[in-house]
Amino acid sequence: MAISNINVAIQFSPSILKLSEFLLMLIEIIPEYEISDDTHKLINQLLVESFPDYPLDRSYYKLLPQFRYLVWADNNLVAQVGIEHRVITNNGHPVRIFGVIDLCVALSYRSQKIATKLLQQIAELGNMGKIDFLVLFADDSRLYVENGYHKVTNICRWMKVDEHQIIGIGEESMADCMMVKKLGEKKWQDGIVDLLGYLF
C-alpha cells in the first residue's frame, strides 16, 4: 500500500512504506505523551548512534517535542524525527511553524530515501494544518536542499536552556545552519526571528 494514499495527518494512524518487494516499514505519528519508556530507550539509542554528542540518558537534547514520526522495520526502530509546533515571529510578524528536530535514520537503513519520505510527510501535514513554514537547524544541508529548504541569514533570538535550566537569552545569526521551507502564502522576511522559546 502506498503511503501517499493514506491519511496519516488527521488521525495520527500508522501507515506502510514499501521500500522494496521485500521491505515494508511502518510509519507512525505519535504524541510525545503516548511514547512508552521502552520506545524512549530505542529513540535514545538511535539518536546516540546518529549524533555522537547526544545525551545518553534521554530521548531529547534540550526539551521534548510535541510529537514524533517513528519508522519501524521488523519491530526495530529505524528512523525518527521530532516536531515542534510553535508560533514564532519573523520580522515582527507571527508565523506558524513546524520545527523539525533530530531527523535521523539507523546506519543500516540509510540511502533508502526514508528521510526524504519523512520530510514529504511533514510537509503534507503542515499544509493540512495551515503551517506557514518548516524550520530546522542542520550542519549538513544537502538532504534539506534537495527537499525544498533553503538557508536564511536572519538574526535569531531564543531562550537558552542547559540541562533543564534557563540560562539566558541568545541573539545571533544562524546563517550557517538555519533552514526554512515555505508552505503557506506568507513570504519569509529579513529581520529578527524570535523563536519565542528554546532553540530546537
N, C-alpha and C. Protein backbone atom coordinates (compact mmCIF):
# COMPACT_ATOMS: atom_id res chain seq x y z
N MET A 1 0.85 -1.19 0.00
CA MET A 1 0.00 0.00 0.00
C MET A 1 0.88 1.24 0.00
N ALA A 2 0.66 2.15 -0.89
CA ALA A 2 1.49 3.36 -0.99
C ALA A 2 1.13 4.31 0.12
N ILE A 3 2.17 4.89 0.71
CA ILE A 3 1.92 5.79 1.85
C ILE A 3 1.17 7.04 1.44
N SER A 4 1.35 7.48 0.19
CA SER A 4 0.69 8.69 -0.25
C SER A 4 -0.82 8.54 -0.30
N ASN A 5 -1.33 7.31 -0.26
CA ASN A 5 -2.76 7.08 -0.32
C ASN A 5 -3.41 6.96 1.05
N ILE A 6 -2.62 7.16 2.12
CA ILE A 6 -3.15 7.00 3.47
C ILE A 6 -3.18 8.35 4.17
N ASN A 7 -4.28 8.65 4.81
CA ASN A 7 -4.41 9.91 5.52
C ASN A 7 -3.83 9.75 6.92
N VAL A 8 -2.54 10.03 7.06
CA VAL A 8 -1.91 9.90 8.37
C VAL A 8 -1.99 11.19 9.16
N ALA A 9 -2.30 12.30 8.49
CA ALA A 9 -2.16 13.59 9.14
C ALA A 9 -3.22 13.84 10.20
N ILE A 10 -4.47 13.51 9.91
CA ILE A 10 -5.55 13.88 10.81
C ILE A 10 -5.70 12.86 11.92
N GLN A 11 -5.66 11.59 11.60
CA GLN A 11 -5.95 10.57 12.58
C GLN A 11 -4.71 10.03 13.29
N PHE A 12 -3.52 10.49 12.92
CA PHE A 12 -2.29 10.00 13.53
C PHE A 12 -2.22 8.48 13.47
N SER A 13 -2.73 7.89 12.40
CA SER A 13 -2.75 6.43 12.28
C SER A 13 -1.49 5.96 11.56
N PRO A 14 -1.03 4.74 11.85
CA PRO A 14 0.18 4.24 11.19
C PRO A 14 -0.03 4.08 9.69
N SER A 15 1.05 4.13 8.95
CA SER A 15 0.99 3.91 7.51
C SER A 15 2.15 3.01 7.11
N ILE A 16 2.03 2.43 5.93
CA ILE A 16 3.02 1.48 5.45
C ILE A 16 3.84 2.11 4.33
N LEU A 17 5.16 1.99 4.45
CA LEU A 17 6.07 2.45 3.42
C LEU A 17 6.75 1.24 2.80
N LYS A 18 6.53 1.03 1.52
CA LYS A 18 7.14 -0.10 0.82
C LYS A 18 8.40 0.37 0.12
N LEU A 19 9.56 -0.06 0.64
CA LEU A 19 10.83 0.36 0.07
C LEU A 19 11.30 -0.59 -1.03
N SER A 20 10.89 -1.83 -0.96
CA SER A 20 11.23 -2.80 -1.99
C SER A 20 10.21 -3.93 -1.92
N GLU A 21 10.40 -4.92 -2.77
CA GLU A 21 9.48 -6.05 -2.79
C GLU A 21 9.50 -6.80 -1.46
N PHE A 22 10.62 -6.69 -0.74
CA PHE A 22 10.79 -7.48 0.48
C PHE A 22 10.79 -6.65 1.76
N LEU A 23 10.83 -5.33 1.65
CA LEU A 23 11.00 -4.50 2.83
C LEU A 23 9.83 -3.53 2.99
N LEU A 24 9.04 -3.76 4.05
CA LEU A 24 7.94 -2.87 4.40
C LEU A 24 8.27 -2.18 5.72
N MET A 25 7.92 -0.92 5.83
CA MET A 25 8.15 -0.19 7.05
C MET A 25 6.87 0.47 7.52
N LEU A 26 6.71 0.52 8.82
CA LEU A 26 5.57 1.16 9.46
C LEU A 26 5.96 2.55 9.92
N ILE A 27 5.24 3.56 9.48
CA ILE A 27 5.48 4.93 9.92
C ILE A 27 4.30 5.35 10.80
N GLU A 28 4.61 5.78 12.02
CA GLU A 28 3.56 6.28 12.90
C GLU A 28 3.87 7.70 13.36
N ILE A 29 2.82 8.47 13.51
CA ILE A 29 2.92 9.79 14.11
C ILE A 29 2.32 9.67 15.50
N ILE A 30 3.11 10.00 16.50
CA ILE A 30 2.68 9.72 17.86
C ILE A 30 2.94 10.92 18.77
N PRO A 31 1.93 11.36 19.55
CA PRO A 31 2.16 12.43 20.52
C PRO A 31 3.21 11.99 21.54
N GLU A 32 4.00 12.92 22.01
CA GLU A 32 5.10 12.58 22.90
C GLU A 32 4.62 11.87 24.16
N TYR A 33 3.46 12.29 24.68
CA TYR A 33 3.00 11.72 25.94
C TYR A 33 2.55 10.26 25.81
N GLU A 34 2.39 9.77 24.58
CA GLU A 34 1.98 8.38 24.38
C GLU A 34 3.16 7.43 24.17
N ILE A 35 4.36 7.95 24.10
CA ILE A 35 5.52 7.11 23.83
C ILE A 35 5.94 6.39 25.11
N SER A 36 6.12 5.09 25.01
CA SER A 36 6.46 4.28 26.18
C SER A 36 7.92 4.47 26.58
N ASP A 37 8.23 4.06 27.81
CA ASP A 37 9.61 4.14 28.29
C ASP A 37 10.54 3.29 27.42
N ASP A 38 10.08 2.12 27.03
CA ASP A 38 10.91 1.25 26.19
C ASP A 38 11.21 1.90 24.84
N THR A 39 10.20 2.55 24.28
CA THR A 39 10.42 3.21 22.99
C THR A 39 11.34 4.41 23.15
N HIS A 40 11.22 5.13 24.26
CA HIS A 40 12.15 6.25 24.51
C HIS A 40 13.59 5.74 24.55
N LYS A 41 13.81 4.57 25.11
CA LYS A 41 15.16 4.00 25.14
C LYS A 41 15.66 3.70 23.72
N LEU A 42 14.77 3.18 22.88
CA LEU A 42 15.15 2.91 21.50
C LEU A 42 15.44 4.21 20.74
N ILE A 43 14.64 5.24 21.01
CA ILE A 43 14.88 6.54 20.38
C ILE A 43 16.25 7.06 20.78
N ASN A 44 16.57 6.96 22.07
CA ASN A 44 17.87 7.43 22.55
C ASN A 44 19.01 6.68 21.87
N GLN A 45 18.88 5.37 21.72
CA GLN A 45 19.93 4.58 21.07
C GLN A 45 20.15 5.05 19.64
N LEU A 46 19.05 5.33 18.94
CA LEU A 46 19.14 5.80 17.56
C LEU A 46 19.78 7.18 17.50
N LEU A 47 19.41 8.06 18.42
CA LEU A 47 19.96 9.41 18.45
C LEU A 47 21.46 9.39 18.76
N VAL A 48 21.86 8.56 19.71
CA VAL A 48 23.27 8.48 20.08
C VAL A 48 24.09 7.92 18.92
N GLU A 49 23.52 6.95 18.20
CA GLU A 49 24.21 6.41 17.02
C GLU A 49 24.40 7.47 15.95
N SER A 50 23.42 8.36 15.81
CA SER A 50 23.43 9.35 14.74
C SER A 50 24.16 10.64 15.12
N PHE A 51 24.10 11.00 16.41
CA PHE A 51 24.71 12.25 16.88
C PHE A 51 25.60 11.90 18.08
N PRO A 52 26.91 11.79 17.88
CA PRO A 52 27.80 11.27 18.93
C PRO A 52 27.78 12.05 20.24
N ASP A 53 27.44 13.34 20.23
CA ASP A 53 27.45 14.12 21.47
C ASP A 53 26.08 14.15 22.15
N TYR A 54 25.17 13.27 21.71
CA TYR A 54 23.81 13.28 22.27
C TYR A 54 23.83 12.77 23.71
N PRO A 55 22.97 13.34 24.59
CA PRO A 55 22.89 12.82 25.97
C PRO A 55 22.54 11.33 25.98
N LEU A 56 23.13 10.62 26.90
CA LEU A 56 22.94 9.17 26.97
C LEU A 56 21.72 8.77 27.78
N ASP A 57 21.11 9.72 28.48
CA ASP A 57 20.07 9.38 29.45
C ASP A 57 18.68 9.84 29.06
N ARG A 58 18.49 10.33 27.82
CA ARG A 58 17.17 10.83 27.46
C ARG A 58 16.99 10.84 25.94
N SER A 59 15.75 11.02 25.51
CA SER A 59 15.42 10.97 24.08
C SER A 59 15.23 12.36 23.48
N TYR A 60 15.75 13.39 24.11
CA TYR A 60 15.67 14.76 23.61
C TYR A 60 16.94 15.48 24.03
N TYR A 61 17.26 16.56 23.29
CA TYR A 61 18.51 17.27 23.58
C TYR A 61 18.30 18.37 24.62
N LYS A 62 17.32 19.22 24.36
CA LYS A 62 17.01 20.31 25.30
C LYS A 62 15.67 20.09 25.98
N LEU A 63 14.61 19.99 25.16
CA LEU A 63 13.25 19.80 25.66
C LEU A 63 12.52 18.81 24.76
N LEU A 64 11.41 18.28 25.25
CA LEU A 64 10.62 17.33 24.48
C LEU A 64 9.92 18.01 23.31
N PRO A 65 9.83 17.33 22.16
CA PRO A 65 8.97 17.83 21.08
C PRO A 65 7.50 17.56 21.40
N GLN A 66 6.61 18.12 20.60
CA GLN A 66 5.18 17.83 20.80
C GLN A 66 4.80 16.44 20.30
N PHE A 67 5.37 16.04 19.17
CA PHE A 67 5.09 14.71 18.64
C PHE A 67 6.25 14.27 17.77
N ARG A 68 6.23 13.00 17.39
CA ARG A 68 7.31 12.44 16.58
C ARG A 68 6.75 11.58 15.45
N TYR A 69 7.56 11.44 14.43
CA TYR A 69 7.39 10.38 13.45
C TYR A 69 8.38 9.27 13.82
N LEU A 70 7.87 8.04 13.93
CA LEU A 70 8.71 6.88 14.20
C LEU A 70 8.56 5.89 13.05
N VAL A 71 9.67 5.34 12.60
CA VAL A 71 9.67 4.38 11.49
C VAL A 71 10.18 3.05 12.01
N TRP A 72 9.37 2.00 11.78
CA TRP A 72 9.69 0.65 12.28
C TRP A 72 9.86 -0.33 11.12
N ALA A 73 10.82 -1.24 11.27
CA ALA A 73 11.00 -2.35 10.33
C ALA A 73 11.33 -3.58 11.14
N ASP A 74 10.52 -4.62 11.00
CA ASP A 74 10.71 -5.87 11.76
C ASP A 74 10.82 -5.60 13.25
N ASN A 75 9.94 -4.72 13.74
CA ASN A 75 9.89 -4.35 15.16
C ASN A 75 11.13 -3.61 15.65
N ASN A 76 11.94 -3.14 14.73
CA ASN A 76 13.11 -2.32 15.08
C ASN A 76 12.85 -0.87 14.71
N LEU A 77 13.21 0.05 15.60
CA LEU A 77 13.10 1.47 15.29
C LEU A 77 14.25 1.85 14.37
N VAL A 78 13.94 2.32 13.16
CA VAL A 78 14.99 2.59 12.18
C VAL A 78 15.10 4.07 11.81
N ALA A 79 14.14 4.89 12.23
CA ALA A 79 14.22 6.32 11.94
C ALA A 79 13.27 7.07 12.86
N GLN A 80 13.58 8.34 13.10
CA GLN A 80 12.70 9.16 13.93
C GLN A 80 12.95 10.63 13.60
N VAL A 81 11.95 11.44 13.88
CA VAL A 81 12.10 12.89 13.83
C VAL A 81 11.08 13.51 14.79
N GLY A 82 11.52 14.50 15.54
CA GLY A 82 10.62 15.22 16.44
C GLY A 82 10.07 16.46 15.75
N ILE A 83 8.87 16.86 16.17
CA ILE A 83 8.23 18.05 15.60
C ILE A 83 7.83 19.01 16.71
N GLU A 84 8.26 20.25 16.56
CA GLU A 84 7.90 21.33 17.47
C GLU A 84 6.87 22.22 16.77
N HIS A 85 5.64 22.25 17.28
CA HIS A 85 4.58 23.10 16.72
C HIS A 85 4.57 24.40 17.51
N ARG A 86 4.84 25.51 16.83
CA ARG A 86 5.06 26.75 17.56
C ARG A 86 4.69 27.96 16.71
N VAL A 87 4.36 29.05 17.36
CA VAL A 87 4.30 30.36 16.73
C VAL A 87 5.60 31.08 17.05
N ILE A 88 6.26 31.61 16.02
CA ILE A 88 7.43 32.45 16.19
C ILE A 88 7.15 33.79 15.50
N THR A 89 8.06 34.74 15.63
CA THR A 89 7.90 35.97 14.86
C THR A 89 9.03 36.11 13.86
N ASN A 90 8.68 36.53 12.67
CA ASN A 90 9.61 36.77 11.58
C ASN A 90 9.49 38.24 11.21
N ASN A 91 10.52 39.01 11.59
CA ASN A 91 10.50 40.46 11.37
C ASN A 91 9.27 41.10 12.03
N GLY A 92 8.93 40.59 13.22
CA GLY A 92 7.82 41.15 13.99
C GLY A 92 6.46 40.59 13.67
N HIS A 93 6.38 39.70 12.68
CA HIS A 93 5.09 39.14 12.26
C HIS A 93 4.97 37.70 12.75
N PRO A 94 3.88 37.35 13.42
CA PRO A 94 3.72 35.97 13.88
C PRO A 94 3.50 35.01 12.72
N VAL A 95 4.19 33.87 12.77
CA VAL A 95 4.02 32.83 11.76
C VAL A 95 3.95 31.49 12.48
N ARG A 96 3.20 30.57 11.89
CA ARG A 96 3.07 29.23 12.44
C ARG A 96 4.11 28.31 11.80
N ILE A 97 4.81 27.56 12.63
CA ILE A 97 5.86 26.70 12.09
C ILE A 97 5.75 25.28 12.66
N PHE A 98 6.33 24.36 11.92
CA PHE A 98 6.78 23.08 12.46
C PHE A 98 8.29 23.17 12.54
N GLY A 99 8.85 22.99 13.73
CA GLY A 99 10.28 22.85 13.86
C GLY A 99 10.65 21.38 13.70
N VAL A 100 11.57 21.09 12.81
CA VAL A 100 11.99 19.71 12.51
C VAL A 100 13.24 19.41 13.35
N ILE A 101 13.14 18.39 14.21
CA ILE A 101 14.16 18.17 15.23
C ILE A 101 14.78 16.77 15.11
N ASP A 102 16.11 16.74 15.03
CA ASP A 102 16.87 15.49 15.18
C ASP A 102 16.41 14.38 14.23
N LEU A 103 16.20 14.71 12.98
CA LEU A 103 15.88 13.69 11.98
C LEU A 103 17.08 12.75 11.83
N CYS A 104 16.83 11.46 12.00
CA CYS A 104 17.93 10.51 11.86
C CYS A 104 17.41 9.14 11.43
N VAL A 105 18.29 8.40 10.76
CA VAL A 105 17.98 7.07 10.24
C VAL A 105 19.11 6.14 10.68
N ALA A 106 18.74 4.94 11.11
CA ALA A 106 19.74 3.96 11.52
C ALA A 106 20.73 3.69 10.38
N LEU A 107 21.98 3.49 10.74
CA LEU A 107 23.05 3.37 9.75
C LEU A 107 22.75 2.31 8.71
N SER A 108 22.23 1.17 9.11
CA SER A 108 22.00 0.07 8.17
C SER A 108 20.79 0.29 7.27
N TYR A 109 20.03 1.36 7.51
CA TYR A 109 18.86 1.64 6.68
C TYR A 109 18.99 2.94 5.88
N ARG A 110 20.15 3.53 5.86
CA ARG A 110 20.33 4.77 5.13
C ARG A 110 20.41 4.52 3.63
N SER A 111 20.30 5.60 2.87
CA SER A 111 20.34 5.57 1.40
C SER A 111 19.16 4.82 0.81
N GLN A 112 18.02 4.84 1.52
CA GLN A 112 16.79 4.23 1.01
C GLN A 112 15.64 5.23 0.95
N LYS A 113 15.98 6.52 1.02
CA LYS A 113 15.01 7.61 0.90
C LYS A 113 14.02 7.68 2.07
N ILE A 114 14.38 7.08 3.20
CA ILE A 114 13.48 7.14 4.36
C ILE A 114 13.37 8.57 4.87
N ALA A 115 14.50 9.27 4.98
CA ALA A 115 14.47 10.65 5.45
C ALA A 115 13.67 11.55 4.51
N THR A 116 13.84 11.32 3.22
CA THR A 116 13.07 12.10 2.24
C THR A 116 11.58 11.86 2.39
N LYS A 117 11.18 10.61 2.60
CA LYS A 117 9.76 10.32 2.79
C LYS A 117 9.23 11.00 4.05
N LEU A 118 10.01 11.01 5.11
CA LEU A 118 9.58 11.69 6.33
C LEU A 118 9.41 13.19 6.09
N LEU A 119 10.35 13.80 5.39
CA LEU A 119 10.23 15.23 5.10
C LEU A 119 9.00 15.52 4.24
N GLN A 120 8.69 14.64 3.32
CA GLN A 120 7.49 14.81 2.49
C GLN A 120 6.23 14.73 3.35
N GLN A 121 6.21 13.78 4.27
CA GLN A 121 5.03 13.64 5.13
C GLN A 121 4.87 14.84 6.06
N ILE A 122 5.98 15.35 6.57
CA ILE A 122 5.91 16.54 7.43
C ILE A 122 5.32 17.71 6.65
N ALA A 123 5.76 17.89 5.41
CA ALA A 123 5.23 18.97 4.59
C ALA A 123 3.74 18.79 4.31
N GLU A 124 3.33 17.55 4.06
CA GLU A 124 1.91 17.28 3.82
C GLU A 124 1.07 17.61 5.06
N LEU A 125 1.56 17.20 6.22
CA LEU A 125 0.85 17.50 7.45
C LEU A 125 0.83 19.00 7.71
N GLY A 126 1.94 19.67 7.43
CA GLY A 126 1.97 21.12 7.59
C GLY A 126 0.98 21.84 6.70
N ASN A 127 0.86 21.40 5.47
CA ASN A 127 -0.10 22.00 4.55
C ASN A 127 -1.53 21.80 5.05
N MET A 128 -1.82 20.63 5.56
CA MET A 128 -3.16 20.35 6.08
C MET A 128 -3.44 21.14 7.35
N GLY A 129 -2.39 21.41 8.13
CA GLY A 129 -2.55 22.12 9.39
C GLY A 129 -2.36 23.62 9.30
N LYS A 130 -2.29 24.16 8.10
CA LYS A 130 -2.15 25.60 7.88
C LYS A 130 -0.87 26.15 8.51
N ILE A 131 0.20 25.38 8.40
CA ILE A 131 1.52 25.82 8.85
C ILE A 131 2.13 26.71 7.77
N ASP A 132 2.76 27.80 8.20
CA ASP A 132 3.35 28.74 7.24
C ASP A 132 4.72 28.29 6.74
N PHE A 133 5.55 27.79 7.67
CA PHE A 133 6.92 27.42 7.32
C PHE A 133 7.36 26.19 8.11
N LEU A 134 8.25 25.42 7.51
CA LEU A 134 9.01 24.41 8.22
C LEU A 134 10.38 25.01 8.52
N VAL A 135 10.87 24.81 9.73
CA VAL A 135 12.13 25.42 10.15
C VAL A 135 13.00 24.34 10.79
N LEU A 136 14.28 24.37 10.48
CA LEU A 136 15.21 23.43 11.12
C LEU A 136 16.60 24.04 11.17
N PHE A 137 17.46 23.38 11.93
CA PHE A 137 18.86 23.78 12.06
C PHE A 137 19.71 22.55 11.76
N ALA A 138 20.57 22.64 10.75
CA ALA A 138 21.32 21.46 10.30
C ALA A 138 22.73 21.84 9.90
N ASP A 139 23.70 21.04 10.34
CA ASP A 139 25.08 21.25 9.93
C ASP A 139 25.31 20.80 8.48
N ASP A 140 24.63 19.75 8.07
CA ASP A 140 24.73 19.23 6.70
C ASP A 140 23.41 19.53 6.00
N SER A 141 23.44 20.41 5.04
CA SER A 141 22.20 20.91 4.42
C SER A 141 21.77 20.13 3.18
N ARG A 142 22.53 19.17 2.72
CA ARG A 142 22.29 18.58 1.40
C ARG A 142 20.91 17.94 1.28
N LEU A 143 20.53 17.12 2.25
CA LEU A 143 19.23 16.46 2.21
C LEU A 143 18.10 17.49 2.16
N TYR A 144 18.24 18.53 2.92
CA TYR A 144 17.16 19.51 3.05
C TYR A 144 17.05 20.39 1.80
N VAL A 145 18.18 20.74 1.21
CA VAL A 145 18.15 21.48 -0.06
C VAL A 145 17.43 20.67 -1.12
N GLU A 146 17.69 19.37 -1.15
CA GLU A 146 17.02 18.50 -2.12
C GLU A 146 15.52 18.44 -1.89
N ASN A 147 15.08 18.79 -0.69
CA ASN A 147 13.66 18.71 -0.36
C ASN A 147 13.02 20.09 -0.18
N GLY A 148 13.61 21.11 -0.80
CA GLY A 148 12.96 22.40 -0.89
C GLY A 148 13.26 23.39 0.21
N TYR A 149 14.20 23.09 1.08
CA TYR A 149 14.61 24.03 2.13
C TYR A 149 15.73 24.93 1.61
N HIS A 150 15.85 26.10 2.21
CA HIS A 150 16.96 26.99 1.88
C HIS A 150 17.46 27.68 3.14
N LYS A 151 18.72 28.05 3.13
CA LYS A 151 19.30 28.73 4.29
C LYS A 151 18.84 30.18 4.35
N VAL A 152 18.69 30.69 5.58
CA VAL A 152 18.32 32.08 5.79
C VAL A 152 19.35 32.72 6.71
N THR A 153 19.47 34.05 6.62
CA THR A 153 20.54 34.77 7.32
C THR A 153 20.03 35.63 8.46
N ASN A 154 18.79 35.42 8.87
CA ASN A 154 18.21 36.25 9.93
C ASN A 154 19.00 36.15 11.24
N ILE A 155 18.96 37.23 12.01
CA ILE A 155 19.37 37.17 13.41
C ILE A 155 18.26 36.42 14.18
N CYS A 156 18.67 35.47 15.00
CA CYS A 156 17.71 34.70 15.80
C CYS A 156 17.80 35.10 17.27
N ARG A 157 16.66 35.07 17.92
CA ARG A 157 16.59 35.28 19.36
C ARG A 157 15.89 34.07 19.97
N TRP A 158 16.45 33.52 21.05
CA TRP A 158 15.87 32.32 21.64
C TRP A 158 16.18 32.23 23.12
N MET A 159 15.45 31.38 23.79
CA MET A 159 15.67 31.11 25.20
C MET A 159 16.75 30.04 25.33
N LYS A 160 17.83 30.36 26.04
CA LYS A 160 18.91 29.40 26.23
C LYS A 160 18.55 28.42 27.35
N VAL A 161 18.65 27.15 27.05
CA VAL A 161 18.36 26.10 28.02
C VAL A 161 19.57 25.18 28.11
N ASP A 162 20.00 24.88 29.32
CA ASP A 162 21.11 23.97 29.53
C ASP A 162 20.79 23.05 30.70
N GLU A 163 20.70 21.76 30.42
CA GLU A 163 20.41 20.76 31.45
C GLU A 163 19.22 21.16 32.32
N HIS A 164 18.11 21.48 31.61
CA HIS A 164 16.82 21.75 32.25
C HIS A 164 16.80 23.05 33.07
N GLN A 165 17.67 23.98 32.71
CA GLN A 165 17.64 25.29 33.34
C GLN A 165 17.72 26.37 32.27
N ILE A 166 16.94 27.43 32.46
CA ILE A 166 17.04 28.60 31.58
C ILE A 166 18.24 29.41 32.04
N ILE A 167 19.16 29.69 31.11
CA ILE A 167 20.39 30.39 31.48
C ILE A 167 20.52 31.74 30.79
N GLY A 168 19.49 32.16 30.05
CA GLY A 168 19.56 33.46 29.41
C GLY A 168 18.87 33.50 28.07
N ILE A 169 19.12 34.58 27.35
CA ILE A 169 18.58 34.79 26.01
C ILE A 169 19.73 34.91 25.03
N GLY A 170 19.66 34.13 23.95
CA GLY A 170 20.66 34.22 22.90
C GLY A 170 20.16 35.06 21.74
N GLU A 171 21.06 35.73 21.07
CA GLU A 171 20.69 36.50 19.88
C GLU A 171 21.89 36.59 18.95
N GLU A 172 21.81 35.90 17.83
CA GLU A 172 22.88 35.91 16.84
C GLU A 172 22.38 35.31 15.53
N SER A 173 23.16 35.50 14.49
CA SER A 173 22.82 34.91 13.19
C SER A 173 23.07 33.41 13.23
N MET A 174 22.18 32.66 12.60
CA MET A 174 22.34 31.22 12.43
C MET A 174 22.46 30.89 10.95
N ALA A 175 23.14 31.78 10.21
CA ALA A 175 23.20 31.66 8.75
C ALA A 175 23.87 30.38 8.29
N ASP A 176 24.69 29.77 9.15
CA ASP A 176 25.40 28.56 8.74
C ASP A 176 24.55 27.31 8.86
N CYS A 177 23.38 27.41 9.56
CA CYS A 177 22.63 26.17 9.80
C CYS A 177 21.10 26.33 9.77
N MET A 178 20.57 27.54 9.81
CA MET A 178 19.12 27.72 9.85
C MET A 178 18.53 27.59 8.45
N MET A 179 17.52 26.74 8.32
CA MET A 179 16.90 26.49 7.02
C MET A 179 15.38 26.58 7.14
N VAL A 180 14.75 27.01 6.07
CA VAL A 180 13.31 27.26 6.04
C VAL A 180 12.71 26.69 4.76
N LYS A 181 11.51 26.16 4.87
CA LYS A 181 10.73 25.77 3.70
C LYS A 181 9.36 26.43 3.80
N LYS A 182 8.98 27.16 2.78
CA LYS A 182 7.70 27.86 2.74
C LYS A 182 6.58 26.88 2.40
N LEU A 183 5.50 26.92 3.18
CA LEU A 183 4.32 26.11 2.89
C LEU A 183 3.11 26.96 2.53
N GLY A 184 2.86 27.99 3.30
CA GLY A 184 1.66 28.81 3.11
C GLY A 184 1.90 29.96 2.15
N GLU A 185 1.05 30.99 2.29
CA GLU A 185 1.11 32.14 1.39
C GLU A 185 2.09 33.21 1.88
N LYS A 186 2.48 33.16 3.12
CA LYS A 186 3.34 34.20 3.67
C LYS A 186 4.76 34.09 3.10
N LYS A 187 5.40 35.24 2.97
CA LYS A 187 6.77 35.30 2.48
C LYS A 187 7.72 35.45 3.65
N TRP A 188 8.79 34.66 3.64
CA TRP A 188 9.81 34.78 4.68
C TRP A 188 10.53 36.11 4.52
N GLN A 189 10.70 36.85 5.62
CA GLN A 189 11.26 38.19 5.57
C GLN A 189 12.62 38.26 6.26
N ASP A 190 13.41 39.25 5.86
CA ASP A 190 14.61 39.59 6.60
C ASP A 190 14.19 40.20 7.94
N GLY A 191 15.13 40.32 8.84
CA GLY A 191 14.81 40.86 10.16
C GLY A 191 14.96 39.80 11.23
N ILE A 192 14.74 40.20 12.46
CA ILE A 192 14.95 39.29 13.58
C ILE A 192 13.89 38.20 13.59
N VAL A 193 14.34 36.97 13.84
CA VAL A 193 13.45 35.84 14.09
C VAL A 193 13.46 35.56 15.59
N ASP A 194 12.33 35.75 16.24
CA ASP A 194 12.21 35.43 17.66
C ASP A 194 11.55 34.06 17.75
N LEU A 195 12.29 33.09 18.25
CA LEU A 195 11.77 31.72 18.34
C LEU A 195 10.76 31.55 19.45
N LEU A 196 10.63 32.55 20.32
CA LEU A 196 9.64 32.51 21.40
C LEU A 196 9.75 31.20 22.20
N GLY A 197 10.96 30.77 22.41
CA GLY A 197 11.21 29.52 23.13
C GLY A 197 12.64 29.06 22.87
N TYR A 198 12.88 27.81 23.17
CA TYR A 198 14.24 27.28 23.04
C TYR A 198 14.63 27.04 21.59
N LEU A 199 15.92 26.96 21.36
CA LEU A 199 16.46 26.66 20.02
C LEU A 199 16.40 25.16 19.80
N PHE A 200 15.55 24.72 18.89
CA PHE A 200 15.38 23.30 18.64
C PHE A 200 16.34 22.81 17.58
